[in-house]
């Protein structure tokens, strides 16, 4: 079995070719918009996974967006992959998230090694409403 060590939602990921060290840039915990619907993306879900055995393991991952009303929107699903090393850093590119309401949303990540999906990541992302800016003299929206 595997476990999620940590996860982060961000705008960019930079990997140093010489050291294989990673920088997660502009981490995301909330966003704001004057109105919905809006599209957010591309963004990245950076994750680190750890195995509890020395054997190779076949696994699939999927990512979803949980809306404030608790419904789920699928975002992506991987093909089966083989994890060989004790620790694996996986980065998921999310091309676009369709946001249709304000409030607390969650990025959900699950894995499947058998017949059942196991939820291991639930990252909160608050989408708050801001007022439209208006011209002081005319009151027109900008």
N, C-alpha and C. Protein backbone atom coordinates (compact mmCIF):
# COMPACT_ATOMS: atom_id res chain seq x y z
N UNK A 1 0.85 -1.19 0.00
CA UNK A 1 0.00 0.00 0.00
C UNK A 1 0.89 1.25 0.00
N UNK A 2 0.26 2.35 -0.41
CA UNK A 2 0.97 3.62 -0.40
C UNK A 2 0.23 4.60 0.50
N UNK A 3 0.92 5.69 0.82
CA UNK A 3 0.28 6.76 1.58
C UNK A 3 0.78 8.09 1.03
N UNK A 4 -0.07 9.09 1.14
CA UNK A 4 0.30 10.44 0.72
C UNK A 4 1.07 11.10 1.84
N UNK A 5 2.27 11.56 1.54
CA UNK A 5 3.09 12.25 2.53
C UNK A 5 2.68 13.71 2.61
N UNK A 6 2.57 14.36 1.46
CA UNK A 6 2.10 15.74 1.39
C UNK A 6 1.59 16.06 0.00
N UNK A 7 0.81 17.14 -0.10
CA UNK A 7 0.28 17.62 -1.38
C UNK A 7 0.17 19.12 -1.32
N UNK A 8 0.35 19.76 -2.48
CA UNK A 8 0.25 21.21 -2.57
C UNK A 8 -0.34 21.58 -3.93
N UNK A 9 -1.19 22.58 -3.92
CA UNK A 9 -1.79 23.10 -5.15
C UNK A 9 -1.06 24.40 -5.48
N UNK A 10 -0.59 24.53 -6.74
CA UNK A 10 0.21 25.70 -7.09
C UNK A 10 0.07 26.05 -8.57
N UNK A 11 0.62 27.20 -8.94
CA UNK A 11 0.58 27.68 -10.33
C UNK A 11 1.71 27.12 -11.17
N UNK A 12 2.88 26.93 -10.58
CA UNK A 12 4.05 26.47 -11.33
C UNK A 12 4.89 25.52 -10.49
N UNK A 13 5.59 24.63 -11.19
CA UNK A 13 6.53 23.71 -10.54
C UNK A 13 7.84 23.79 -11.31
N UNK A 14 8.93 24.00 -10.58
CA UNK A 14 10.26 24.07 -11.20
C UNK A 14 11.11 22.94 -10.62
N UNK A 15 11.68 22.10 -11.49
CA UNK A 15 12.55 21.01 -11.06
C UNK A 15 13.97 21.29 -11.52
N UNK A 16 14.91 21.31 -10.59
CA UNK A 16 16.32 21.51 -10.91
C UNK A 16 16.87 20.22 -11.52
N UNK A 17 17.41 20.31 -12.73
CA UNK A 17 17.88 19.12 -13.44
C UNK A 17 19.07 18.46 -12.75
N UNK A 18 19.95 19.24 -12.12
CA UNK A 18 21.14 18.67 -11.49
C UNK A 18 20.84 17.99 -10.17
N UNK A 19 20.02 18.60 -9.34
CA UNK A 19 19.79 18.08 -7.99
C UNK A 19 18.46 17.35 -7.84
N UNK A 20 17.57 17.50 -8.81
CA UNK A 20 16.23 16.94 -8.76
C UNK A 20 15.39 17.55 -7.63
N UNK A 21 15.82 18.71 -7.13
CA UNK A 21 15.02 19.40 -6.11
C UNK A 21 13.90 20.17 -6.81
N UNK A 22 12.82 20.37 -6.08
CA UNK A 22 11.62 20.96 -6.67
C UNK A 22 11.23 22.23 -5.92
N UNK A 23 10.77 23.21 -6.69
CA UNK A 23 10.22 24.43 -6.12
C UNK A 23 8.77 24.54 -6.57
N UNK A 24 7.88 24.72 -5.61
CA UNK A 24 6.46 24.89 -5.90
C UNK A 24 6.16 26.38 -5.79
N UNK A 25 5.73 26.98 -6.90
CA UNK A 25 5.62 28.43 -7.01
C UNK A 25 4.16 28.87 -6.97
N UNK A 26 3.91 29.93 -6.23
CA UNK A 26 2.58 30.54 -6.11
C UNK A 26 1.54 29.52 -5.68
N UNK A 27 1.69 29.04 -4.47
CA UNK A 27 0.74 28.06 -3.92
C UNK A 27 -0.65 28.68 -3.82
N UNK A 28 -1.65 27.84 -3.98
CA UNK A 28 -3.04 28.32 -4.06
C UNK A 28 -3.83 27.83 -2.86
N UNK A 29 -4.47 28.79 -2.18
CA UNK A 29 -5.38 28.43 -1.10
C UNK A 29 -6.74 29.11 -1.24
N UNK A 30 -6.76 30.17 -2.08
CA UNK A 30 -8.03 30.82 -2.34
C UNK A 30 -7.94 31.61 -3.63
N UNK A 31 -9.11 32.02 -4.12
CA UNK A 31 -9.20 32.85 -5.31
C UNK A 31 -10.40 33.76 -5.17
N UNK A 32 -10.47 34.76 -6.03
CA UNK A 32 -11.57 35.71 -5.97
C UNK A 32 -12.02 36.08 -7.37
N UNK A 33 -13.31 36.33 -7.50
CA UNK A 33 -13.88 36.73 -8.78
C UNK A 33 -15.10 37.62 -8.52
N UNK A 34 -15.40 38.46 -9.49
CA UNK A 34 -16.58 39.31 -9.36
C UNK A 34 -17.85 38.53 -9.67
N UNK A 35 -17.74 37.54 -10.57
CA UNK A 35 -18.91 36.74 -10.93
C UNK A 35 -18.47 35.35 -11.37
N UNK A 36 -19.39 34.43 -11.35
CA UNK A 36 -19.15 33.07 -11.84
C UNK A 36 -20.15 32.81 -12.96
N UNK A 37 -19.89 31.92 -13.88
CA UNK A 37 -18.80 30.94 -13.89
C UNK A 37 -17.48 31.56 -14.36
N UNK A 38 -16.38 30.93 -13.89
CA UNK A 38 -15.03 31.29 -14.31
C UNK A 38 -14.24 30.00 -14.52
N UNK A 39 -13.14 30.14 -15.24
CA UNK A 39 -12.22 29.01 -15.42
C UNK A 39 -10.91 29.37 -14.75
N UNK A 40 -10.34 28.41 -14.03
CA UNK A 40 -9.05 28.58 -13.38
C UNK A 40 -8.10 27.55 -13.98
N UNK A 41 -6.92 27.98 -14.35
CA UNK A 41 -5.94 27.02 -14.85
C UNK A 41 -5.08 27.62 -15.93
N UNK A 42 -4.03 26.93 -16.27
CA UNK A 42 -3.64 25.64 -15.69
C UNK A 42 -3.03 25.80 -14.30
N UNK A 43 -3.21 24.78 -13.48
CA UNK A 43 -2.61 24.72 -12.15
C UNK A 43 -2.05 23.31 -11.97
N UNK A 44 -1.28 23.11 -10.92
CA UNK A 44 -0.64 21.82 -10.66
C UNK A 44 -0.96 21.33 -9.26
N UNK A 45 -1.12 20.04 -9.14
CA UNK A 45 -1.21 19.37 -7.84
C UNK A 45 0.09 18.60 -7.67
N UNK A 46 0.95 19.09 -6.77
CA UNK A 46 2.22 18.41 -6.48
C UNK A 46 2.03 17.48 -5.31
N UNK A 47 2.49 16.23 -5.43
CA UNK A 47 2.28 15.25 -4.37
C UNK A 47 3.54 14.42 -4.12
N UNK A 48 3.67 13.91 -2.92
CA UNK A 48 4.72 12.94 -2.58
C UNK A 48 4.05 11.73 -1.94
N UNK A 49 4.40 10.53 -2.46
CA UNK A 49 3.81 9.28 -2.01
C UNK A 49 4.91 8.36 -1.48
N UNK A 50 4.55 7.53 -0.51
CA UNK A 50 5.49 6.59 0.09
C UNK A 50 4.87 5.20 0.11
N UNK A 51 5.67 4.20 -0.27
CA UNK A 51 5.20 2.80 -0.24
C UNK A 51 5.61 2.16 1.09
N UNK A 52 4.84 1.16 1.51
CA UNK A 52 5.21 0.45 2.74
C UNK A 52 5.82 -0.92 2.46
N UNK A 53 6.14 -1.18 1.18
CA UNK A 53 6.78 -2.46 0.84
C UNK A 53 7.90 -2.21 -0.16
N UNK A 54 8.73 -3.22 -0.37
CA UNK A 54 9.84 -3.12 -1.32
C UNK A 54 9.42 -3.57 -2.72
N UNK A 55 8.25 -4.15 -2.85
CA UNK A 55 7.79 -4.70 -4.13
C UNK A 55 7.23 -3.61 -5.03
N UNK A 56 7.25 -3.87 -6.34
CA UNK A 56 6.61 -2.97 -7.30
C UNK A 56 5.10 -2.98 -7.05
N UNK A 57 4.49 -1.83 -7.25
CA UNK A 57 3.05 -1.74 -7.08
C UNK A 57 2.43 -1.03 -8.28
N UNK A 58 1.35 -1.59 -8.78
CA UNK A 58 0.60 -0.99 -9.87
C UNK A 58 -0.51 -0.14 -9.28
N UNK A 59 -0.67 1.07 -9.81
CA UNK A 59 -1.59 2.02 -9.20
C UNK A 59 -2.14 3.00 -10.24
N UNK A 60 -3.34 3.49 -9.99
CA UNK A 60 -3.95 4.55 -10.78
C UNK A 60 -4.33 5.68 -9.85
N UNK A 61 -4.37 6.90 -10.38
CA UNK A 61 -4.77 8.07 -9.61
C UNK A 61 -5.89 8.80 -10.33
N UNK A 62 -6.70 9.50 -9.57
CA UNK A 62 -7.68 10.40 -10.17
C UNK A 62 -7.82 11.63 -9.27
N UNK A 63 -8.21 12.73 -9.91
CA UNK A 63 -8.37 14.01 -9.23
C UNK A 63 -9.77 14.53 -9.56
N UNK A 64 -10.43 15.10 -8.56
CA UNK A 64 -11.77 15.66 -8.74
C UNK A 64 -11.87 16.99 -8.00
N UNK A 65 -12.88 17.76 -8.37
CA UNK A 65 -13.19 19.01 -7.68
C UNK A 65 -14.49 18.80 -6.91
N UNK A 66 -14.43 19.00 -5.59
CA UNK A 66 -15.65 18.93 -4.77
C UNK A 66 -16.20 20.35 -4.64
N UNK A 67 -17.45 20.51 -5.04
CA UNK A 67 -18.11 21.82 -5.02
C UNK A 67 -18.70 22.11 -3.64
N UNK A 68 -19.06 23.37 -3.37
CA UNK A 68 -19.66 23.69 -2.07
C UNK A 68 -20.91 22.87 -1.74
N UNK A 69 -21.64 22.41 -2.75
CA UNK A 69 -22.83 21.59 -2.49
C UNK A 69 -22.48 20.10 -2.29
N UNK A 70 -21.19 19.78 -2.20
CA UNK A 70 -20.64 18.43 -1.95
C UNK A 70 -20.65 17.52 -3.18
N UNK A 71 -21.12 18.02 -4.33
CA UNK A 71 -21.04 17.21 -5.55
C UNK A 71 -19.60 17.20 -6.08
N UNK A 72 -19.26 16.16 -6.85
CA UNK A 72 -17.91 16.01 -7.38
C UNK A 72 -17.90 16.17 -8.89
N UNK A 73 -16.89 16.89 -9.40
CA UNK A 73 -16.66 17.02 -10.83
C UNK A 73 -15.33 16.33 -11.13
N UNK A 74 -15.32 15.30 -11.97
CA UNK A 74 -14.04 14.67 -12.33
C UNK A 74 -13.14 15.67 -13.05
N UNK A 75 -11.84 15.59 -12.76
CA UNK A 75 -10.86 16.48 -13.37
C UNK A 75 -9.90 15.70 -14.26
N UNK A 76 -9.33 14.62 -13.73
CA UNK A 76 -8.42 13.79 -14.51
C UNK A 76 -8.27 12.42 -13.88
N UNK A 77 -7.83 11.47 -14.69
CA UNK A 77 -7.53 10.11 -14.21
C UNK A 77 -6.33 9.60 -14.98
N UNK A 78 -5.40 8.95 -14.27
CA UNK A 78 -4.20 8.42 -14.92
C UNK A 78 -4.42 6.99 -15.38
N UNK A 79 -3.56 6.56 -16.27
CA UNK A 79 -3.49 5.15 -16.60
C UNK A 79 -2.77 4.45 -15.45
N UNK A 80 -2.78 3.15 -15.47
CA UNK A 80 -2.05 2.38 -14.46
C UNK A 80 -0.56 2.64 -14.60
N UNK A 81 0.12 2.85 -13.48
CA UNK A 81 1.56 3.06 -13.48
C UNK A 81 2.20 2.17 -12.42
N UNK A 82 3.47 1.88 -12.59
CA UNK A 82 4.18 1.02 -11.65
C UNK A 82 5.08 1.87 -10.78
N UNK A 83 4.92 1.75 -9.47
CA UNK A 83 5.77 2.44 -8.51
C UNK A 83 6.83 1.45 -8.04
N UNK A 84 8.09 1.78 -8.27
CA UNK A 84 9.18 0.88 -7.92
C UNK A 84 9.97 1.35 -6.70
N UNK A 85 10.22 2.65 -6.61
CA UNK A 85 11.02 3.20 -5.51
C UNK A 85 10.17 3.37 -4.24
N UNK A 86 10.82 3.52 -3.09
CA UNK A 86 10.05 3.69 -1.84
C UNK A 86 9.24 4.99 -1.80
N UNK A 87 9.75 6.05 -2.47
CA UNK A 87 9.04 7.33 -2.48
C UNK A 87 8.88 7.80 -3.92
N UNK A 88 7.73 8.41 -4.21
CA UNK A 88 7.44 8.90 -5.55
C UNK A 88 6.84 10.28 -5.48
N UNK A 89 7.43 11.18 -6.23
CA UNK A 89 6.91 12.54 -6.35
C UNK A 89 6.11 12.56 -7.66
N UNK A 90 4.82 12.87 -7.57
CA UNK A 90 3.97 12.93 -8.76
C UNK A 90 3.35 14.31 -8.87
N UNK A 91 3.37 14.85 -10.09
CA UNK A 91 2.78 16.16 -10.36
C UNK A 91 1.65 15.98 -11.36
N UNK A 92 0.48 16.47 -11.00
CA UNK A 92 -0.69 16.37 -11.87
C UNK A 92 -0.99 17.76 -12.43
N UNK A 93 -1.03 17.88 -13.74
CA UNK A 93 -1.39 19.14 -14.39
C UNK A 93 -2.91 19.18 -14.58
N UNK A 94 -3.51 20.22 -14.02
CA UNK A 94 -4.95 20.43 -14.17
C UNK A 94 -5.12 21.57 -15.16
N UNK A 95 -5.55 21.23 -16.36
CA UNK A 95 -5.64 22.24 -17.42
C UNK A 95 -6.65 23.33 -17.12
N UNK A 96 -7.79 22.95 -16.55
CA UNK A 96 -8.82 23.94 -16.29
C UNK A 96 -9.81 23.43 -15.24
N UNK A 97 -10.17 24.30 -14.33
CA UNK A 97 -11.24 24.02 -13.37
C UNK A 97 -12.39 24.96 -13.68
N UNK A 98 -13.57 24.41 -13.87
CA UNK A 98 -14.78 25.22 -14.10
C UNK A 98 -15.42 25.51 -12.75
N UNK A 99 -15.37 26.77 -12.34
CA UNK A 99 -15.94 27.20 -11.06
C UNK A 99 -17.29 27.84 -11.34
N UNK A 100 -18.33 27.28 -10.77
CA UNK A 100 -19.69 27.77 -11.04
C UNK A 100 -20.37 28.38 -9.82
N UNK A 101 -19.68 28.39 -8.67
CA UNK A 101 -20.28 28.98 -7.47
C UNK A 101 -19.18 29.49 -6.55
N UNK A 102 -19.54 30.38 -5.66
CA UNK A 102 -18.62 30.88 -4.65
C UNK A 102 -18.67 29.95 -3.45
N UNK A 103 -17.63 29.99 -2.62
CA UNK A 103 -17.60 29.17 -1.42
C UNK A 103 -16.41 28.25 -1.39
N UNK A 104 -16.41 27.33 -0.43
CA UNK A 104 -15.29 26.41 -0.24
C UNK A 104 -15.38 25.25 -1.23
N UNK A 105 -14.31 25.08 -2.00
CA UNK A 105 -14.15 23.97 -2.92
C UNK A 105 -13.00 23.12 -2.40
N UNK A 106 -12.91 21.87 -2.85
CA UNK A 106 -11.81 21.00 -2.43
C UNK A 106 -11.26 20.28 -3.66
N UNK A 107 -9.93 20.21 -3.73
CA UNK A 107 -9.28 19.37 -4.71
C UNK A 107 -9.10 18.01 -4.04
N UNK A 108 -9.65 16.98 -4.65
CA UNK A 108 -9.64 15.63 -4.11
C UNK A 108 -8.71 14.77 -4.96
N UNK A 109 -7.85 13.99 -4.31
CA UNK A 109 -7.03 13.01 -5.04
C UNK A 109 -7.26 11.64 -4.42
N UNK A 110 -7.43 10.65 -5.29
CA UNK A 110 -7.67 9.27 -4.87
C UNK A 110 -6.73 8.35 -5.63
N UNK A 111 -6.47 7.18 -5.05
CA UNK A 111 -5.69 6.17 -5.76
C UNK A 111 -6.43 4.84 -5.72
N UNK A 112 -6.08 3.98 -6.67
CA UNK A 112 -6.71 2.67 -6.79
C UNK A 112 -5.63 1.63 -7.03
N UNK A 113 -5.55 0.65 -6.14
CA UNK A 113 -4.62 -0.48 -6.30
C UNK A 113 -5.38 -1.79 -6.40
N UNK A 114 -6.67 -1.74 -6.23
CA UNK A 114 -7.49 -2.95 -6.27
C UNK A 114 -8.83 -2.58 -6.90
N UNK A 115 -9.90 -2.96 -6.31
CA UNK A 115 -11.22 -2.63 -6.85
C UNK A 115 -11.79 -1.34 -6.26
N UNK A 116 -11.12 -0.79 -5.25
CA UNK A 116 -11.68 0.33 -4.51
C UNK A 116 -10.80 1.58 -4.65
N UNK A 117 -11.43 2.75 -4.77
CA UNK A 117 -10.72 4.02 -4.76
C UNK A 117 -10.55 4.48 -3.31
N UNK A 118 -9.35 4.97 -2.98
CA UNK A 118 -9.03 5.43 -1.63
C UNK A 118 -8.73 6.93 -1.69
N UNK A 119 -9.50 7.72 -0.96
CA UNK A 119 -9.30 9.17 -0.92
C UNK A 119 -8.18 9.48 0.07
N UNK A 120 -7.18 10.23 -0.38
CA UNK A 120 -6.06 10.54 0.49
C UNK A 120 -5.74 12.02 0.57
N UNK A 121 -6.21 12.80 -0.39
CA UNK A 121 -5.90 14.23 -0.43
C UNK A 121 -7.21 15.01 -0.53
N UNK A 122 -7.32 16.05 0.29
CA UNK A 122 -8.49 16.95 0.23
C UNK A 122 -7.99 18.35 0.57
N UNK A 123 -7.70 19.14 -0.47
CA UNK A 123 -7.12 20.47 -0.29
C UNK A 123 -8.22 21.53 -0.44
N UNK A 124 -8.43 22.35 0.60
CA UNK A 124 -9.47 23.39 0.51
C UNK A 124 -9.00 24.57 -0.35
N UNK A 125 -9.93 25.08 -1.16
CA UNK A 125 -9.69 26.28 -1.97
C UNK A 125 -10.96 27.14 -1.87
N UNK A 126 -10.82 28.27 -1.21
CA UNK A 126 -11.95 29.18 -1.05
C UNK A 126 -12.06 30.07 -2.29
N UNK A 127 -13.23 30.12 -2.90
CA UNK A 127 -13.51 31.03 -4.00
C UNK A 127 -14.47 32.09 -3.45
N UNK A 128 -13.95 33.31 -3.31
CA UNK A 128 -14.77 34.36 -2.71
C UNK A 128 -15.18 35.40 -3.76
N UNK A 129 -16.28 36.06 -3.48
CA UNK A 129 -16.81 37.07 -4.40
C UNK A 129 -16.26 38.44 -4.04
N UNK A 130 -15.83 39.18 -5.05
CA UNK A 130 -15.38 40.55 -4.84
C UNK A 130 -16.31 41.48 -5.62
N UNK A 131 -16.35 42.71 -5.20
CA UNK A 131 -17.19 43.70 -5.87
C UNK A 131 -16.51 44.16 -7.14
N UNK A 132 -17.31 44.36 -8.18
CA UNK A 132 -16.79 44.93 -9.43
C UNK A 132 -16.37 46.37 -9.16
N UNK A 133 -15.28 46.79 -9.78
CA UNK A 133 -14.83 48.18 -9.67
C UNK A 133 -15.69 49.03 -10.61
N UNK A 134 -16.00 50.22 -10.15
CA UNK A 134 -16.78 51.14 -10.98
C UNK A 134 -16.03 52.46 -11.12
N UNK A 135 -16.30 53.16 -12.22
CA UNK A 135 -15.74 54.49 -12.42
C UNK A 135 -16.38 55.43 -11.41
N UNK A 136 -15.58 56.24 -10.70
CA UNK A 136 -16.16 57.11 -9.67
C UNK A 136 -17.20 58.09 -10.20
N UNK A 137 -17.00 58.66 -11.38
CA UNK A 137 -17.92 59.69 -11.86
C UNK A 137 -19.16 59.15 -12.53
N UNK A 138 -19.05 58.03 -13.24
CA UNK A 138 -20.19 57.54 -14.02
C UNK A 138 -20.90 56.36 -13.38
N UNK A 139 -20.21 55.66 -12.49
CA UNK A 139 -20.80 54.45 -11.89
C UNK A 139 -20.78 53.26 -12.82
N UNK A 140 -20.11 53.35 -13.97
CA UNK A 140 -20.03 52.24 -14.91
C UNK A 140 -19.04 51.19 -14.41
N UNK A 141 -19.36 49.93 -14.68
CA UNK A 141 -18.46 48.84 -14.33
C UNK A 141 -17.21 48.91 -15.20
N UNK A 142 -16.08 48.62 -14.61
CA UNK A 142 -14.82 48.58 -15.36
C UNK A 142 -14.53 47.18 -15.86
